[in-house]
Amino acid sequence: MLKGKHILLGVTGSIAAYKAAMLCRLLKTAGAEVKVLMTPTAKEFITPLTMATLSKNPVAVEFYNPENGDWHSHISMGEWADCLLIAPATANTLAKMAHGVADNLLLTTYLSARCSTVVAPAMDCDMFAHEATQANIALLKERGVTVIDSPSGELASGLSGKGRMAEPEAILRFLESFPGLNQKKKSNLAGRRFVVTAGATIEAIDPVRYITNHSTGKMGYAVAGELAARGARVTLISGHTVLPTPAGVERTDVASAEEMYDAARKAFADADGAVMCAAVADYTPKEVSPSKIKKDGDTLTIELRRTKDIAASLGREKGDRLLVGFALETDDEIVNAEEKLRRKNFDFIVLNSLRDKGAGFGVDTNKVTIIDAEGGKALPLMSKSDTAAAIADRMESFFER
């Protein structure tokens, strides 16, 4: 997918610069042509010789070579590139990008480049969480810069939290489906905001036990990743799962159906649409015991109450926005899905059945039927990533109307 693509790799002054070496190697192995730009501070963390050896191209750091006067044209480098990828991107560089500061070769190239720009932030968790950094990231996103999400984990400071640079393998996977490189036509999802719910909710019985279901979140995460790859701005409201955040996706973790209801409604207020893929509990314990319930007798009765219907709530207020639902059925699948389509005011619904081998919970494949007011279209068994692409294609057609 990257064969022959021109990737201009920008490296800034972060301890995560060592990851740029592996990223460069992965890009070359995938068939991309790579040229490297480094900020002067980046040389304190990794040498230009290392990056030149891996990229098979000279590395540009300064505006010109002081030994012979050779000029490094930021204009021509921007014209050469199919994508400017800045990884790692420090808080300092992100701030300068957001405010048009052009005090090094990498920044002047960014300001003059006509290609897509992708950044992978890398910094300590407090720097990442600071309102100034978050404001700069938000401003860059509004201007079309794609931001690869910073995962949580151990940081060089010894702290743990968000701010790590995404792993090189994750960045490579993102670029392989990045619409700025590979799409044959501009996606009409690009720049639009979508909410995706995914994973299972957890309904507490006591501090130890809870009610949940078998959902792993794989389908919802695939949809979120596919939409982001097409240039959409995606907010993923995630229930319980062990999956990593898809590249380019903003993730909000919740536990209960009530928490998902609040987060989804808040995110939907500014969205162009939503995909309701989470397995949300229909019932939750009426009362949660403040302490562990001890064994007492052969039976235990727990009174349940209905949870708030997230999809129906969004359906009542969606207006002309897009709302996509999911239905997992075991009996009368089509009838139940069509009834749910009407009752919750979905534009279309994705039906899958536990009767289909290779579909359902915990597997990497799915077999779905996409149903709208005009009827249904059954898809063959395919990977969940391919299923997500088919769903995104159907969403594309909604915005062509």
Protein backbone atom coordinates (compact mmCIF):
# COMPACT_ATOMS: atom_id res chain seq x y z
CA MET A 1 0.00 0.00 0.00
CA LEU A 2 2.94 2.36 0.59
CA LYS A 3 5.05 1.25 -2.37
CA GLY A 4 6.38 4.26 -4.22
CA LYS A 5 4.86 6.79 -1.80
CA HIS A 6 7.03 9.74 -0.77
CA ILE A 7 7.14 10.11 3.01
CA LEU A 8 8.91 13.13 4.49
CA LEU A 9 9.70 12.07 8.06
CA GLY A 10 10.16 14.91 10.54
CA VAL A 11 12.00 14.12 13.78
CA THR A 12 11.95 16.52 16.73
CA GLY A 13 13.80 16.70 20.04
CA SER A 14 12.16 13.99 22.13
CA ILE A 15 13.47 10.90 23.89
CA ALA A 16 11.04 9.06 21.59
CA ALA A 17 13.27 9.97 18.63
CA TYR A 18 14.78 6.50 18.89
CA LYS A 19 11.44 5.16 17.60
CA ALA A 20 11.93 7.19 14.41
CA ALA A 21 14.70 4.81 13.40
CA MET A 22 12.39 1.79 13.53
CA LEU A 23 9.62 3.76 11.85
CA CYS A 24 11.95 4.72 9.02
CA ARG A 25 12.98 1.08 8.55
CA LEU A 26 9.35 -0.08 8.50
CA LEU A 27 8.42 2.55 5.92
CA LYS A 28 11.32 1.51 3.69
CA THR A 29 10.44 -2.17 4.06
CA ALA A 30 6.87 -1.32 3.03
CA GLY A 31 8.22 0.19 -0.20
CA ALA A 32 8.01 3.89 0.62
CA GLU A 33 10.61 6.46 -0.36
CA VAL A 34 11.70 8.26 2.80
CA LYS A 35 13.50 11.54 3.33
CA VAL A 36 14.23 12.77 6.83
CA LEU A 37 14.06 16.27 8.31
CA MET A 38 15.45 16.78 11.81
CA THR A 39 15.25 19.75 14.12
CA PRO A 40 18.58 20.81 15.61
CA THR A 41 17.49 19.52 19.03
CA ALA A 42 16.62 16.11 17.55
CA LYS A 43 20.35 15.55 16.92
CA GLU A 44 20.81 15.38 20.70
CA PHE A 45 18.70 12.20 20.76
CA ILE A 46 19.51 10.40 17.50
CA THR A 47 22.19 11.07 14.91
CA PRO A 48 21.57 12.18 11.33
CA LEU A 49 23.97 9.40 10.29
CA THR A 50 21.57 6.78 11.69
CA MET A 51 18.58 8.25 9.86
CA ALA A 52 20.52 8.75 6.62
CA THR A 53 21.68 5.13 6.69
CA LEU A 54 18.15 3.82 7.24
CA SER A 55 16.41 6.15 4.78
CA LYS A 56 19.09 5.83 2.06
CA ASN A 57 18.88 9.62 1.65
CA PRO A 58 20.80 12.57 3.10
CA VAL A 59 19.22 14.08 6.20
CA ALA A 60 18.36 17.79 6.23
CA VAL A 61 18.73 19.72 9.48
CA GLU A 62 19.78 23.27 8.67
CA PHE A 63 18.63 25.58 5.89
CA TYR A 64 21.97 25.19 4.13
CA ASN A 65 25.21 23.26 4.42
CA PRO A 66 27.73 25.66 6.01
CA GLU A 67 30.63 23.80 4.42
CA ASN A 68 29.61 24.26 0.79
CA GLY A 69 26.55 26.50 0.84
CA ASP A 70 24.17 23.85 -0.57
CA TRP A 71 20.60 25.05 0.01
CA HIS A 72 17.97 22.77 1.51
CA SER A 73 14.80 23.97 -0.14
CA HIS A 74 11.76 23.57 2.08
CA ILE A 75 9.63 24.31 -0.97
CA SER A 76 10.99 21.46 -3.07
CA MET A 77 10.84 19.01 -0.15
CA GLY A 78 7.19 19.84 0.43
CA GLU A 79 6.48 19.38 -3.28
CA TRP A 80 8.25 16.00 -3.29
CA ALA A 81 6.28 14.58 -0.36
CA ASP A 82 2.99 12.70 -0.48
CA CYS A 83 2.83 13.05 3.30
CA LEU A 84 4.73 15.01 5.95
CA LEU A 85 4.91 12.70 8.97
CA ILE A 86 6.27 14.28 12.16
CA ALA A 87 7.09 11.54 14.65
CA PRO A 88 7.88 12.28 17.38
CA ALA A 89 6.17 15.67 17.57
CA THR A 90 7.05 17.53 20.77
CA ALA A 91 4.81 20.02 22.58
CA ASN A 92 7.19 22.75 21.40
CA THR A 93 6.87 21.78 17.75
CA LEU A 94 3.09 21.41 17.94
CA ALA A 95 2.83 24.88 19.51
CA LYS A 96 4.98 26.41 16.78
CA MET A 97 2.97 24.66 14.06
CA ALA A 98 -0.28 25.93 15.55
CA HIS A 99 0.95 29.52 15.66
CA GLY A 100 2.96 29.73 12.46
CA VAL A 101 6.44 29.97 13.97
CA ALA A 102 9.07 29.17 11.33
CA ASP A 103 12.41 29.03 13.14
CA ASN A 104 13.76 25.78 11.72
CA LEU A 105 13.75 23.83 8.47
CA LEU A 106 11.05 21.38 9.57
CA LEU A 107 8.61 24.17 10.46
CA THR A 108 9.18 26.13 7.25
CA THR A 109 8.57 22.92 5.32
CA TYR A 110 5.32 22.33 7.20
CA LEU A 111 4.10 25.85 6.47
CA SER A 112 4.80 25.52 2.74
CA ALA A 113 3.88 21.85 2.17
CA ARG A 114 0.82 21.10 0.04
CA CYS A 115 0.63 17.45 1.09
CA SER A 116 -1.15 15.90 4.06
CA THR A 117 0.47 16.38 7.47
CA VAL A 118 0.35 13.69 10.16
CA VAL A 119 1.79 14.11 13.65
CA ALA A 120 2.49 11.61 16.43
CA PRO A 121 2.79 13.59 19.68
CA ALA A 122 5.38 12.58 22.27
CA MET A 123 5.81 14.24 25.66
CA ASP A 124 5.28 13.76 29.38
CA CYS A 125 1.71 13.21 30.54
CA ASP A 126 1.37 16.59 32.29
CA MET A 127 2.64 18.42 29.22
CA PHE A 128 0.23 16.48 27.04
CA ALA A 129 -2.73 17.19 29.34
CA HIS A 130 -1.93 20.89 29.70
CA GLU A 131 -4.68 23.08 28.28
CA ALA A 132 -2.19 24.92 26.05
CA THR A 133 -1.07 21.69 24.39
CA GLN A 134 -4.62 20.43 24.00
CA ALA A 135 -5.66 23.78 22.49
CA ASN A 136 -2.78 23.59 20.01
CA ILE A 137 -3.70 20.05 19.02
CA ALA A 138 -7.35 21.04 18.57
CA LEU A 139 -6.33 24.01 16.40
CA LEU A 140 -4.12 21.82 14.21
CA LYS A 141 -6.95 19.34 13.74
CA GLU A 142 -9.28 22.14 12.67
CA ARG A 143 -6.70 23.09 10.04
CA GLY A 144 -6.58 19.57 8.66
CA VAL A 145 -3.57 18.10 10.43
CA THR A 146 -4.11 14.45 11.33
CA VAL A 147 -3.09 13.60 14.90
CA ILE A 148 -2.26 10.00 15.78
CA ASP A 149 -3.49 9.34 19.30
CA SER A 150 -0.92 9.15 22.09
CA PRO A 151 -1.44 5.90 24.01
CA SER A 152 -1.13 5.63 27.77
CA GLY A 153 1.82 3.89 29.30
CA GLU A 154 5.14 4.27 31.08
CA LEU A 155 6.95 7.51 30.24
CA ALA A 156 10.63 8.45 30.34
CA SER A 157 9.98 10.56 33.45
CA GLY A 158 8.92 7.45 35.34
CA LEU A 159 5.30 8.56 35.36
CA SER A 160 2.55 6.68 33.58
CA GLY A 161 -0.16 8.24 31.43
CA LYS A 162 -0.97 9.62 27.98
CA GLY A 163 1.79 11.24 25.99
CA ARG A 164 3.78 8.31 24.59
CA MET A 165 4.48 8.38 20.89
CA ALA A 166 2.44 5.72 19.11
CA GLU A 167 4.47 2.62 18.32
CA PRO A 168 6.07 2.54 14.86
CA GLU A 169 3.99 -0.50 13.85
CA ALA A 170 0.77 1.37 14.71
CA ILE A 171 1.87 4.41 12.71
CA LEU A 172 2.70 2.19 9.74
CA ARG A 173 -0.75 0.56 9.88
CA PHE A 174 -2.35 3.98 10.00
CA LEU A 175 -0.44 5.24 6.96
CA GLU A 176 -1.30 2.12 4.99
CA SER A 177 -4.97 3.14 5.05
CA PHE A 178 -4.54 6.90 5.38
CA PRO A 179 -6.80 8.57 2.77
CA GLY A 180 -4.26 11.32 2.19
CA LEU A 181 -2.06 8.65 0.59
CA ASN A 182 -4.26 5.91 -0.80
CA GLN A 183 -7.78 6.98 -1.58
CA LYS A 184 -8.73 7.18 -5.25
CA LYS A 185 -11.21 9.95 -4.60
CA LYS A 186 -11.60 12.40 -1.77
CA SER A 187 -13.75 10.92 0.95
CA ASN A 188 -16.84 12.95 1.75
CA LEU A 189 -16.39 11.79 5.33
CA ALA A 190 -13.16 13.80 5.61
CA GLY A 191 -13.44 16.56 8.17
CA ARG A 192 -16.81 15.38 9.47
CA ARG A 193 -17.29 14.51 13.12
CA PHE A 194 -18.60 11.10 14.14
CA VAL A 195 -19.33 9.39 17.43
CA VAL A 196 -18.75 5.63 17.61
CA THR A 197 -19.74 3.55 20.63
CA ALA A 198 -18.04 0.22 21.17
CA GLY A 199 -17.37 -2.49 23.72
CA ALA A 200 -19.41 -3.82 26.62
CA THR A 201 -20.85 -1.85 29.50
CA ILE A 202 -20.36 -2.99 33.09
CA GLU A 203 -23.24 -2.75 35.56
CA ALA A 204 -22.07 -3.04 39.15
CA ILE A 205 -23.80 -5.38 41.60
CA ASP A 206 -21.37 -4.68 44.44
CA PRO A 207 -17.70 -3.57 44.60
CA VAL A 208 -16.61 -7.00 43.33
CA ARG A 209 -19.25 -8.29 40.90
CA TYR A 210 -20.95 -6.88 37.85
CA ILE A 211 -23.23 -7.72 34.92
CA THR A 212 -21.76 -7.52 31.43
CA ASN A 213 -21.74 -9.37 28.08
CA HIS A 214 -19.34 -11.05 25.66
CA SER A 215 -18.59 -8.03 23.44
CA THR A 216 -14.86 -7.41 22.83
CA GLY A 217 -15.35 -4.13 20.95
CA LYS A 218 -13.57 -5.37 17.81
CA MET A 219 -16.30 -4.33 15.38
CA GLY A 220 -16.76 -0.86 16.84
CA TYR A 221 -13.02 -0.25 16.97
CA ALA A 222 -12.71 -1.33 13.33
CA VAL A 223 -15.44 1.15 12.35
CA ALA A 224 -13.78 3.97 14.31
CA GLY A 225 -10.41 3.24 12.71
CA GLU A 226 -11.90 3.09 9.21
CA LEU A 227 -13.68 6.44 9.60
CA ALA A 228 -10.50 8.07 10.91
CA ALA A 229 -8.53 6.61 7.99
CA ARG A 230 -10.96 8.36 5.65
CA GLY A 231 -10.24 11.68 7.28
CA ALA A 232 -13.16 11.87 9.71
CA ARG A 233 -12.78 13.21 13.23
CA VAL A 234 -13.87 10.34 15.43
CA THR A 235 -14.81 10.27 19.10
CA LEU A 236 -14.84 6.67 20.32
CA ILE A 237 -16.97 6.09 23.43
CA SER A 238 -15.56 2.80 24.67
CA GLY A 239 -16.91 0.36 27.18
CA HIS A 240 -14.87 -2.50 28.60
CA THR A 241 -12.24 -3.80 26.16
CA VAL A 242 -8.51 -4.58 25.97
CA LEU A 243 -8.09 -3.18 22.46
CA PRO A 244 -5.64 -0.35 21.64
CA THR A 245 -7.05 2.95 20.42
CA PRO A 246 -7.18 3.11 16.59
CA ALA A 247 -4.83 5.64 15.01
CA GLY A 248 -6.30 9.10 14.67
CA VAL A 249 -9.21 8.41 17.04
CA GLU A 250 -10.08 10.28 20.24
CA ARG A 251 -11.18 7.81 22.88
CA THR A 252 -13.35 8.27 25.97
CA ASP A 253 -13.52 5.31 28.35
CA VAL A 254 -16.72 4.60 30.25
CA ALA A 255 -17.95 1.73 32.40
CA SER A 256 -21.72 1.72 32.81
CA ALA A 257 -24.62 2.30 30.43
CA GLU A 258 -25.35 5.51 32.31
CA GLU A 259 -21.81 6.80 31.70
CA MET A 260 -22.00 5.84 28.02
CA TYR A 261 -25.35 7.62 27.72
CA ASP A 262 -23.91 10.85 29.10
CA ALA A 263 -20.70 10.68 27.03
CA ALA A 264 -22.47 9.79 23.78
CA ARG A 265 -25.06 12.56 24.10
CA LYS A 266 -22.36 15.12 24.88
CA ALA A 267 -20.22 14.08 21.90
CA PHE A 268 -23.21 13.88 19.54
CA ALA A 269 -24.10 17.53 20.15
CA ASP A 270 -21.35 18.66 17.75
CA ALA A 271 -21.27 15.59 15.50
CA ASP A 272 -22.39 14.93 11.94
CA GLY A 273 -23.43 11.41 12.84
CA ALA A 274 -22.99 8.41 15.08
CA VAL A 275 -22.47 4.65 14.82
CA MET A 276 -23.99 2.78 17.76
CA CYS A 277 -21.91 -0.38 17.91
CA ALA A 278 -21.55 -0.88 21.68
CA ALA A 279 -23.17 -3.78 23.51
CA VAL A 280 -25.06 -1.75 26.09
CA ALA A 281 -26.82 -3.42 29.00
CA ASP A 282 -30.61 -3.18 28.79
CA TYR A 283 -30.90 -3.60 32.55
CA THR A 284 -28.82 -2.60 35.56
CA PRO A 285 -29.17 -3.44 39.26
CA LYS A 286 -31.73 -1.20 40.93
CA GLU A 287 -29.48 -0.91 43.95
CA VAL A 288 -25.71 -1.41 44.18
CA SER A 289 -24.47 -2.89 47.42
CA PRO A 290 -21.74 -0.73 49.00
CA SER A 291 -19.98 -3.87 50.26
CA LYS A 292 -19.45 -7.36 48.89
CA ILE A 293 -22.60 -9.48 49.05
CA LYS A 294 -21.87 -12.56 51.13
CA LYS A 295 -23.26 -16.01 50.40
CA ASP A 296 -26.50 -16.51 52.27
CA GLY A 297 -28.79 -19.31 51.13
CA ASP A 298 -29.06 -21.20 47.86
CA THR A 299 -30.54 -18.37 45.77
CA LEU A 300 -29.97 -14.66 45.31
CA THR A 301 -32.48 -12.26 43.83
CA ILE A 302 -31.26 -9.02 42.25
CA GLU A 303 -33.88 -6.52 41.14
CA LEU A 304 -33.04 -4.84 37.83
CA ARG A 305 -34.26 -1.66 36.19
CA ARG A 306 -34.13 -0.52 32.58
CA THR A 307 -31.16 1.54 31.47
CA LYS A 308 -31.51 4.66 29.35
CA ASP A 309 -31.76 3.90 25.62
CA ILE A 310 -28.79 5.72 24.10
CA ALA A 311 -29.62 5.06 20.45
CA ALA A 312 -33.29 6.01 20.83
CA SER A 313 -32.29 9.23 22.58
CA LEU A 314 -29.95 10.23 19.74
CA GLY A 315 -32.60 9.16 17.21
CA ARG A 316 -35.09 11.61 18.67
CA GLU A 317 -32.73 14.54 18.29
CA LYS A 318 -30.69 13.62 15.22
CA GLY A 319 -32.50 15.85 12.69
CA ASP A 320 -30.81 15.43 9.31
CA ARG A 321 -27.68 13.86 10.79
CA LEU A 322 -26.63 10.26 10.16
CA LEU A 323 -27.41 7.61 12.76
CA VAL A 324 -26.27 4.01 12.26
CA GLY A 325 -27.38 1.16 14.50
CA PHE A 326 -26.30 -2.41 15.16
CA ALA A 327 -28.47 -5.40 15.94
CA LEU A 328 -27.33 -8.79 17.18
CA GLU A 329 -30.21 -11.22 16.97
CA THR A 330 -30.76 -14.94 17.51
CA ASP A 331 -34.40 -15.25 16.35
CA ASP A 332 -36.46 -13.53 13.64
CA GLU A 333 -33.36 -11.55 12.75
CA ILE A 334 -34.66 -9.47 9.84
CA VAL A 335 -38.01 -8.68 11.46
CA ASN A 336 -36.40 -7.59 14.72
CA ALA A 337 -33.74 -5.52 12.97
CA GLU A 338 -36.30 -3.73 10.78
CA GLU A 339 -38.43 -2.98 13.84
CA LYS A 340 -35.38 -1.57 15.63
CA LEU A 341 -34.52 0.51 12.55
CA ARG A 342 -37.92 2.23 12.67
CA ARG A 343 -38.24 2.51 16.44
CA LYS A 344 -34.87 4.14 16.98
CA ASN A 345 -34.92 6.31 13.84
CA PHE A 346 -31.75 4.84 12.34
CA ASP A 347 -30.80 5.69 8.78
CA PHE A 348 -29.56 2.13 8.41
CA ILE A 349 -28.85 -0.77 10.72
CA VAL A 350 -26.18 -3.47 10.61
CA LEU A 351 -27.55 -6.90 11.49
CA ASN A 352 -25.44 -9.85 12.49
CA SER A 353 -26.60 -13.12 13.92
CA LEU A 354 -25.05 -15.52 16.39
CA ARG A 355 -26.30 -18.29 14.09
CA ASP A 356 -23.68 -17.38 11.48
CA LYS A 357 -20.39 -19.21 11.92
CA GLY A 358 -17.51 -16.75 12.16
CA ALA A 359 -19.73 -13.86 13.24
CA GLY A 360 -20.52 -12.40 16.61
CA PHE A 361 -18.35 -11.95 19.69
CA GLY A 362 -14.60 -12.30 20.02
CA VAL A 363 -13.74 -13.24 16.41
CA ASP A 364 -11.97 -11.24 13.71
CA THR A 365 -14.62 -11.88 11.04
CA ASN A 366 -18.24 -10.90 10.64
CA LYS A 367 -21.19 -11.63 8.37
CA VAL A 368 -23.71 -8.80 8.30
CA THR A 369 -26.77 -7.52 6.49
CA ILE A 370 -27.08 -3.75 6.03
CA ILE A 371 -30.75 -2.76 6.22
CA ASP A 372 -32.37 0.59 5.48
CA ALA A 373 -35.87 1.75 4.56
CA GLU A 374 -35.45 0.37 1.04
CA GLY A 375 -34.50 -3.14 2.12
CA GLY A 376 -31.44 -5.17 3.05
CA LYS A 377 -28.12 -6.12 1.48
CA ALA A 378 -26.42 -9.25 2.82
CA LEU A 379 -22.62 -9.23 2.80
CA PRO A 380 -20.45 -12.35 2.75
CA LEU A 381 -18.27 -13.46 5.63
CA MET A 382 -15.31 -11.10 5.76
CA SER A 383 -12.85 -9.58 8.19
CA LYS A 384 -14.19 -7.01 10.59
CA SER A 385 -11.92 -4.41 9.00
CA ASP A 386 -13.47 -5.13 5.59
CA THR A 387 -16.93 -5.04 7.18
CA ALA A 388 -16.06 -1.64 8.63
CA ALA A 389 -15.04 -0.46 5.17
CA ALA A 390 -18.40 -1.58 3.76
CA ILE A 391 -20.20 0.31 6.53
CA ALA A 392 -18.11 3.42 5.81
CA ASP A 393 -18.94 3.10 2.10
CA ARG A 394 -22.63 3.10 3.01
CA MET A 395 -22.07 6.18 5.16
CA GLU A 396 -20.34 7.86 2.21
CA SER A 397 -23.47 7.38 0.12
CA PHE A 398 -25.59 9.11 2.80
CA PHE A 399 -23.58 12.31 2.39
CA GLU A 400 -23.80 12.17 -1.41
CA ARG A 401 -27.50 12.84 -1.26
